[in-house]
Amino acid sequence: MVNRKQGMEAWPKGPPLFPVRDSPLKNRVAGARGLTLQSLIDHARSALAAPGAQAALKIAQVAIFLAVVILLIVQLSEVGWGDVFAALPESPWFYLIFTVRYFLQPLSEIPAYELVWKIPLARRWTAFIRKRVYNFAVMGYSGEAFFTLWARRNLKLSDRDIVVGVKDNNLVSALVSNAATTIVVVALFFLGDLERELKAIPGGAALFGLAFVSAASLMIAVVMFRRHLIQLPRGITRKIIAINAVRIVIIMVLHATLYAAALPGPPLTAWLMFVALQLVLSRIPFVPNQDIVFLTAALALAPEIGAPEAAIAGMLVAEAGLSQIFNLTLFALTAHHAVPRGGRPPGR
């Protein structure tokens, strides 16, 4: 009688039933360990380079932009083009406040990134301006993609430090912005202005509801899972939260003051609806040309302010026109940032 051990030794040896050494899963895991920022970028480029993906993305962007422009033209035509241009703001404070508000957002990011990367960045302020242009004039979060590639080409930092710095800064900024959006929407609700705003804007209930739910959800998620999502030390995270909180409060006050300078009639609280609308739109990712989208939605709110509709339209057209002029001019002046300067070999 053959014992169990002898029977196992006598069993003919062949290839394993479940080979592991060269399995595709193991190869993928091994390959994932060697992924670098450049390889991830290459994978993303190859995916987006597919004719179907590129065509679908371009069609979606063009369709959204054309729909917004057509709606804008219709709204301005109903007001009257002559009345709109005749009602452009005459106060110099309007244009001064607009300029300060435009540059405050990108320049306030400099101290935040200096805290994270521990290098001076004030002399590279034009890169932050170009990042802002990408986000507002092209598409949301396209500025972060540009800024990541720019940092990799121009800063002596590892891929990991760059990606973590951009990711954590954006998470903290989104946390503060979402908190501000939630607070403003709740304030409008208790002030009784939210219902008017929802009725005035086509699809306003869905827009504000989506923004409120997504803002509150993301805010709760970041707070609950901050140890897994944010890799910055607590001290630096708190400082960046403070920087973003001060920035967003100043921008909100400047935004309301901007409209009050152009139309001093309505109370300052009336312009809070426009500020809330801007915050809500800024929380929706991948919106093409946020300035034009905001102008289109804000025109629907004009009758709720209690000022002449043509005057409000003229003010909003002036704001949107200045935004496009600033975006185009600064995009051209910062074009040197788009030229590679013989950056580091990938993966360092």
Protein backbone atom coordinates (compact mmCIF):
# COMPACT_ATOMS: atom_id res chain seq x y z
CA MET A 1 0.00 0.00 0.00
CA VAL A 2 1.40 3.35 -1.01
CA ASN A 3 1.30 6.05 1.66
CA ARG A 4 0.05 9.56 0.93
CA LYS A 5 3.51 11.12 0.68
CA GLN A 6 4.76 8.50 -1.76
CA GLY A 7 1.58 8.92 -3.82
CA MET A 8 2.13 12.67 -4.08
CA GLU A 9 5.76 12.19 -5.11
CA ALA A 10 4.72 9.62 -7.71
CA TRP A 11 2.21 12.01 -9.24
CA PRO A 12 3.58 13.22 -12.59
CA LYS A 13 4.74 16.83 -12.44
CA GLY A 14 3.47 19.22 -15.11
CA PRO A 15 2.69 22.88 -15.56
CA PRO A 16 0.75 24.43 -12.67
CA LEU A 17 -2.96 24.75 -13.08
CA PHE A 18 -2.86 28.44 -12.11
CA PRO A 19 0.47 29.91 -13.19
CA VAL A 20 1.29 33.08 -11.25
CA ARG A 21 4.82 34.00 -12.24
CA ASP A 22 3.94 35.43 -15.64
CA SER A 23 0.28 36.17 -15.07
CA PRO A 24 -1.12 39.35 -16.63
CA LEU A 25 -2.31 40.50 -13.20
CA LYS A 26 1.17 40.24 -11.72
CA ASN A 27 2.67 41.97 -14.71
CA ARG A 28 0.16 44.81 -14.33
CA VAL A 29 0.94 45.15 -10.64
CA ALA A 30 4.66 45.15 -11.36
CA GLY A 31 4.16 47.69 -14.10
CA ALA A 32 2.04 49.89 -11.84
CA ARG A 33 4.90 50.09 -9.34
CA GLY A 34 7.07 51.64 -12.01
CA LEU A 35 4.53 54.23 -13.12
CA THR A 36 5.77 57.79 -13.19
CA LEU A 37 4.02 61.07 -13.83
CA GLN A 38 5.30 61.04 -17.40
CA SER A 39 4.00 57.51 -18.02
CA LEU A 40 0.60 58.46 -16.62
CA ILE A 41 0.56 61.51 -18.88
CA ASP A 42 1.54 59.34 -21.84
CA HIS A 43 -1.29 56.90 -21.05
CA ALA A 44 -3.76 59.77 -20.77
CA ARG A 45 -2.55 61.27 -24.03
CA SER A 46 -2.85 57.95 -25.85
CA ALA A 47 -6.38 57.49 -24.52
CA LEU A 48 -7.41 60.99 -25.53
CA ALA A 49 -5.63 60.62 -28.86
CA ALA A 50 -8.18 58.04 -29.95
CA PRO A 51 -10.26 59.56 -32.77
CA GLY A 52 -13.53 58.74 -31.05
CA ALA A 53 -12.52 60.29 -27.71
CA GLN A 54 -11.18 63.47 -29.29
CA ALA A 55 -14.21 63.88 -31.53
CA ALA A 56 -16.67 63.35 -28.67
CA LEU A 57 -14.83 65.79 -26.39
CA LYS A 58 -14.64 68.50 -29.06
CA ILE A 59 -18.28 68.07 -30.05
CA ALA A 60 -19.41 68.30 -26.41
CA GLN A 61 -17.32 71.41 -25.72
CA VAL A 62 -18.41 73.17 -28.91
CA ALA A 63 -22.06 72.24 -28.39
CA ILE A 64 -22.12 73.58 -24.82
CA PHE A 65 -20.30 76.77 -25.79
CA LEU A 66 -22.55 77.44 -28.81
CA ALA A 67 -25.68 76.82 -26.74
CA VAL A 68 -24.51 79.31 -24.11
CA VAL A 69 -23.57 81.93 -26.74
CA ILE A 70 -26.91 81.56 -28.56
CA LEU A 71 -28.83 81.91 -25.31
CA LEU A 72 -26.73 84.95 -24.43
CA ILE A 73 -27.43 86.61 -27.80
CA VAL A 74 -31.16 85.97 -27.43
CA GLN A 75 -31.23 87.45 -23.92
CA LEU A 76 -29.27 90.56 -24.92
CA SER A 77 -31.46 91.03 -28.00
CA GLU A 78 -34.56 91.02 -25.81
CA VAL A 79 -33.05 93.75 -23.64
CA GLY A 80 -31.88 95.79 -26.64
CA TRP A 81 -28.28 96.07 -27.82
CA GLY A 82 -28.41 99.87 -27.98
CA ASP A 83 -29.67 100.14 -24.40
CA VAL A 84 -27.01 97.69 -23.22
CA PHE A 85 -24.07 99.60 -24.69
CA ALA A 86 -25.53 102.93 -23.57
CA ALA A 87 -25.72 101.61 -20.01
CA LEU A 88 -22.08 100.49 -19.67
CA PRO A 89 -20.67 101.48 -16.24
CA GLU A 90 -19.11 104.94 -16.11
CA SER A 91 -17.62 104.73 -12.61
CA PRO A 92 -13.83 104.20 -12.64
CA TRP A 93 -14.22 102.22 -9.40
CA PHE A 94 -15.95 99.47 -11.36
CA TYR A 95 -12.91 98.90 -13.55
CA LEU A 96 -10.42 99.28 -10.68
CA ILE A 97 -12.26 96.79 -8.47
CA PHE A 98 -12.56 94.37 -11.38
CA THR A 99 -8.79 94.47 -11.93
CA VAL A 100 -8.04 93.85 -8.24
CA ARG A 101 -10.53 90.98 -8.09
CA TYR A 102 -9.16 89.40 -11.27
CA PHE A 103 -5.56 89.24 -10.03
CA LEU A 104 -6.34 88.42 -6.39
CA GLN A 105 -7.36 84.82 -7.07
CA PRO A 106 -4.19 83.64 -8.87
CA LEU A 107 -1.74 85.71 -6.83
CA SER A 108 -3.18 84.43 -3.54
CA GLU A 109 -2.13 80.93 -4.59
CA ILE A 110 1.56 81.88 -4.49
CA PRO A 111 1.97 81.82 -0.66
CA ALA A 112 -0.02 78.57 -0.51
CA TYR A 113 2.29 76.80 -2.95
CA GLU A 114 5.33 78.32 -1.26
CA LEU A 115 4.21 76.68 1.99
CA VAL A 116 3.82 73.31 0.29
CA TRP A 117 6.93 73.26 -1.88
CA LYS A 118 9.13 75.41 0.41
CA ILE A 119 10.58 77.39 -2.51
CA PRO A 120 10.10 81.06 -3.51
CA LEU A 121 7.53 81.45 -6.29
CA ALA A 122 6.78 85.18 -6.33
CA ARG A 123 8.98 85.74 -9.38
CA ARG A 124 7.00 83.08 -11.25
CA TRP A 125 3.68 84.84 -10.76
CA THR A 126 2.89 84.82 -14.48
CA ALA A 127 2.50 81.02 -14.37
CA PHE A 128 -0.27 81.44 -11.80
CA ILE A 129 -1.94 84.02 -14.05
CA ARG A 130 -1.87 81.58 -16.98
CA LYS A 131 -3.31 78.87 -14.71
CA ARG A 132 -6.22 81.18 -13.92
CA VAL A 133 -6.82 81.92 -17.62
CA TYR A 134 -6.97 78.21 -18.42
CA ASN A 135 -9.49 77.52 -15.65
CA PHE A 136 -11.86 80.37 -16.46
CA ALA A 137 -11.48 80.88 -20.22
CA VAL A 138 -10.88 77.31 -21.41
CA MET A 139 -12.32 74.75 -18.99
CA GLY A 140 -12.37 74.08 -15.27
CA TYR A 141 -9.30 72.20 -13.97
CA SER A 142 -7.42 72.63 -17.26
CA GLY A 143 -5.30 75.14 -15.35
CA GLU A 144 -4.18 72.44 -12.93
CA ALA A 145 -3.07 70.25 -15.84
CA PHE A 146 -1.04 73.13 -17.30
CA PHE A 147 0.41 74.04 -13.90
CA THR A 148 1.50 70.47 -13.19
CA LEU A 149 3.38 70.23 -16.49
CA TRP A 150 4.84 73.73 -16.03
CA ALA A 151 6.12 72.87 -12.53
CA ARG A 152 7.69 69.69 -13.84
CA ARG A 153 9.55 71.61 -16.54
CA ASN A 154 10.67 74.56 -14.45
CA LEU A 155 10.93 73.58 -10.78
CA LYS A 156 13.53 71.33 -9.20
CA LEU A 157 10.97 69.10 -7.56
CA SER A 158 10.19 65.40 -7.81
CA ASP A 159 7.12 64.19 -9.67
CA ARG A 160 5.60 63.10 -6.38
CA ASP A 161 6.09 66.49 -4.72
CA ILE A 162 4.52 68.25 -7.71
CA VAL A 163 1.49 65.98 -7.93
CA VAL A 164 0.91 65.96 -4.16
CA GLY A 165 1.31 69.74 -3.97
CA VAL A 166 -1.19 70.44 -6.75
CA LYS A 167 -3.62 67.79 -5.48
CA ASP A 168 -3.57 68.88 -1.84
CA ASN A 169 -3.77 72.57 -2.67
CA ASN A 170 -6.81 71.94 -4.85
CA LEU A 171 -8.47 69.74 -2.24
CA VAL A 172 -8.04 72.38 0.44
CA SER A 173 -9.16 75.15 -1.92
CA ALA A 174 -12.20 73.09 -2.94
CA LEU A 175 -12.98 72.41 0.73
CA VAL A 176 -13.05 76.13 1.54
CA SER A 177 -14.93 77.06 -1.65
CA ASN A 178 -17.51 74.34 -1.05
CA ALA A 179 -17.95 75.51 2.53
CA ALA A 180 -18.47 79.07 1.29
CA THR A 181 -20.95 77.88 -1.35
CA THR A 182 -22.91 75.92 1.25
CA ILE A 183 -22.98 78.87 3.66
CA VAL A 184 -24.12 81.32 0.96
CA VAL A 185 -26.88 79.01 -0.31
CA VAL A 186 -28.12 78.43 3.25
CA ALA A 187 -27.99 82.19 3.91
CA LEU A 188 -30.05 82.87 0.78
CA PHE A 189 -32.57 80.29 1.94
CA PHE A 190 -33.07 81.93 5.33
CA LEU A 191 -33.12 85.42 3.79
CA GLY A 192 -35.90 84.31 1.46
CA ASP A 193 -33.95 85.14 -1.71
CA LEU A 194 -33.18 81.58 -2.78
CA GLU A 195 -36.68 80.88 -4.10
CA ARG A 196 -36.58 83.96 -6.33
CA GLU A 197 -33.21 82.97 -7.70
CA LEU A 198 -34.33 79.41 -8.41
CA LYS A 199 -37.42 80.62 -10.28
CA ALA A 200 -35.52 83.23 -12.30
CA ILE A 201 -32.82 80.91 -13.69
CA PRO A 202 -33.88 78.13 -16.08
CA GLY A 203 -33.05 74.88 -14.33
CA GLY A 204 -32.02 76.87 -11.26
CA ALA A 205 -33.39 74.33 -8.77
CA ALA A 206 -31.39 71.50 -10.31
CA LEU A 207 -28.30 73.72 -10.62
CA PHE A 208 -28.33 74.94 -7.02
CA GLY A 209 -29.39 71.54 -5.70
CA LEU A 210 -26.55 69.79 -7.50
CA ALA A 211 -24.04 72.40 -6.37
CA PHE A 212 -25.25 72.27 -2.75
CA VAL A 213 -25.27 68.47 -2.54
CA SER A 214 -21.92 68.07 -4.27
CA ALA A 215 -20.34 70.86 -2.21
CA ALA A 216 -21.61 69.50 1.08
CA SER A 217 -20.73 65.90 0.16
CA LEU A 218 -17.20 66.76 -0.92
CA MET A 219 -16.70 68.90 2.16
CA ILE A 220 -17.79 66.07 4.46
CA ALA A 221 -15.70 63.52 2.54
CA VAL A 222 -12.55 65.64 2.75
CA VAL A 223 -13.05 66.24 6.47
CA MET A 224 -13.75 62.57 7.24
CA PHE A 225 -11.01 61.07 5.06
CA ARG A 226 -8.47 63.90 5.23
CA ARG A 227 -5.74 61.56 6.52
CA HIS A 228 -6.05 59.45 3.38
CA LEU A 229 -6.70 62.28 0.90
CA ILE A 230 -4.40 65.06 2.13
CA GLN A 231 -0.73 64.29 2.72
CA LEU A 232 0.31 67.74 3.94
CA PRO A 233 1.14 68.28 7.63
CA ARG A 234 -1.72 69.65 9.71
CA GLY A 235 0.05 72.93 10.38
CA ILE A 236 0.52 73.67 6.67
CA THR A 237 -3.02 72.53 5.88
CA ARG A 238 -4.44 74.96 8.43
CA LYS A 239 -2.41 77.83 6.99
CA ILE A 240 -3.61 77.03 3.46
CA ILE A 241 -7.20 76.88 4.72
CA ALA A 242 -6.73 80.33 6.27
CA ILE A 243 -5.25 81.73 3.03
CA ASN A 244 -8.15 80.38 0.97
CA ALA A 245 -10.76 81.53 3.48
CA VAL A 246 -9.41 85.09 3.53
CA ARG A 247 -9.16 85.08 -0.27
CA ILE A 248 -12.71 83.91 -0.88
CA VAL A 249 -14.19 86.39 1.62
CA ILE A 250 -12.30 89.29 0.02
CA ILE A 251 -13.32 88.17 -3.49
CA MET A 252 -16.98 87.90 -2.45
CA VAL A 253 -16.92 91.39 -0.93
CA LEU A 254 -15.15 92.80 -3.99
CA HIS A 255 -17.65 91.08 -6.27
CA ALA A 256 -20.63 92.64 -4.51
CA THR A 257 -18.84 96.01 -4.27
CA LEU A 258 -18.10 95.83 -8.01
CA TYR A 259 -21.80 95.79 -8.82
CA ALA A 260 -22.63 98.38 -6.18
CA ALA A 261 -20.06 100.73 -7.76
CA ALA A 262 -21.77 100.39 -11.13
CA LEU A 263 -25.35 100.51 -9.80
CA PRO A 264 -25.46 102.15 -6.35
CA GLY A 265 -29.27 101.96 -6.16
CA PRO A 266 -29.96 98.38 -4.96
CA PRO A 267 -28.72 97.36 -1.50
CA LEU A 268 -25.46 95.45 -1.21
CA THR A 269 -27.36 92.36 -0.05
CA ALA A 270 -29.18 92.24 -3.40
CA TRP A 271 -25.91 91.46 -5.14
CA LEU A 272 -25.40 88.47 -2.86
CA MET A 273 -27.51 86.47 -5.32
CA PHE A 274 -25.00 87.16 -8.09
CA VAL A 275 -22.12 86.22 -5.79
CA ALA A 276 -23.90 82.96 -4.91
CA LEU A 277 -24.47 82.25 -8.60
CA GLN A 278 -20.78 82.74 -9.36
CA LEU A 279 -19.83 80.40 -6.51
CA VAL A 280 -22.28 77.76 -7.69
CA LEU A 281 -20.97 77.86 -11.27
CA SER A 282 -17.38 77.68 -10.05
CA ARG A 283 -18.20 74.39 -8.30
CA ILE A 284 -19.31 72.70 -11.54
CA PRO A 285 -16.28 71.03 -13.16
CA PHE A 286 -15.36 71.19 -16.85
CA VAL A 287 -17.60 74.18 -17.62
CA PRO A 288 -16.31 75.88 -20.79
CA ASN A 289 -15.67 79.63 -20.34
CA GLN A 290 -17.19 80.27 -16.91
CA ASP A 291 -17.37 84.04 -17.49
CA ILE A 292 -19.75 83.69 -20.45
CA VAL A 293 -21.82 81.05 -18.65
CA PHE A 294 -22.12 83.33 -15.62
CA LEU A 295 -23.19 86.28 -17.80
CA THR A 296 -25.93 84.19 -19.40
CA ALA A 297 -27.28 82.96 -16.05
CA ALA A 298 -26.93 86.35 -14.35
CA LEU A 299 -29.02 88.07 -17.02
CA ALA A 300 -31.92 85.86 -15.97
CA LEU A 301 -31.61 87.33 -12.45
CA ALA A 302 -31.66 90.95 -13.62
CA PRO A 303 -35.41 91.52 -13.09
CA GLU A 304 -35.09 90.36 -9.46
CA ILE A 305 -32.64 93.12 -8.48
CA GLY A 306 -35.01 96.06 -8.86
CA ALA A 307 -32.73 98.08 -11.17
CA PRO A 308 -33.22 98.85 -14.88
CA GLU A 309 -32.64 95.65 -16.82
CA ALA A 310 -30.59 97.45 -19.48
CA ALA A 311 -28.28 98.89 -16.81
CA ILE A 312 -27.71 95.47 -15.25
CA ALA A 313 -27.14 93.94 -18.68
CA GLY A 314 -24.64 96.69 -19.52
CA MET A 315 -22.78 96.09 -16.26
CA LEU A 316 -22.65 92.32 -16.83
CA VAL A 317 -21.58 92.74 -20.46
CA ALA A 318 -18.80 95.09 -19.34
CA GLU A 319 -17.66 92.55 -16.74
CA ALA A 320 -17.71 89.66 -19.22
CA GLY A 321 -16.02 91.78 -21.89
CA LEU A 322 -13.26 92.81 -19.51
CA SER A 323 -12.79 89.16 -18.51
CA GLN A 324 -12.35 88.09 -22.12
CA ILE A 325 -9.97 90.98 -22.85
CA PHE A 326 -7.88 90.20 -19.77
CA ASN A 327 -7.90 86.48 -20.55
CA LEU A 328 -6.85 86.92 -24.17
CA THR A 329 -4.19 89.53 -23.39
CA LEU A 330 -2.65 87.64 -20.48
CA PHE A 331 -2.80 84.34 -22.36
CA ALA A 332 -0.70 85.94 -25.10
CA LEU A 333 1.69 87.62 -22.65
CA THR A 334 2.31 84.35 -20.77
CA ALA A 335 2.72 82.21 -23.90
CA HIS A 336 6.38 81.62 -23.02
CA HIS A 337 5.22 79.25 -20.27
CA ALA A 338 3.81 76.92 -22.93
CA VAL A 339 7.25 76.38 -24.50
CA PRO A 340 9.23 73.43 -23.04
CA ARG A 341 12.63 74.41 -21.67
CA GLY A 342 14.43 71.12 -21.75
CA GLY A 343 12.90 69.81 -18.58
CA ARG A 344 14.06 66.96 -16.39
CA PRO A 345 14.10 63.37 -17.56
CA PRO A 346 10.76 61.75 -16.72
CA GLY A 347 10.30 59.92 -13.46
CA ARG A 348 12.64 61.88 -11.20
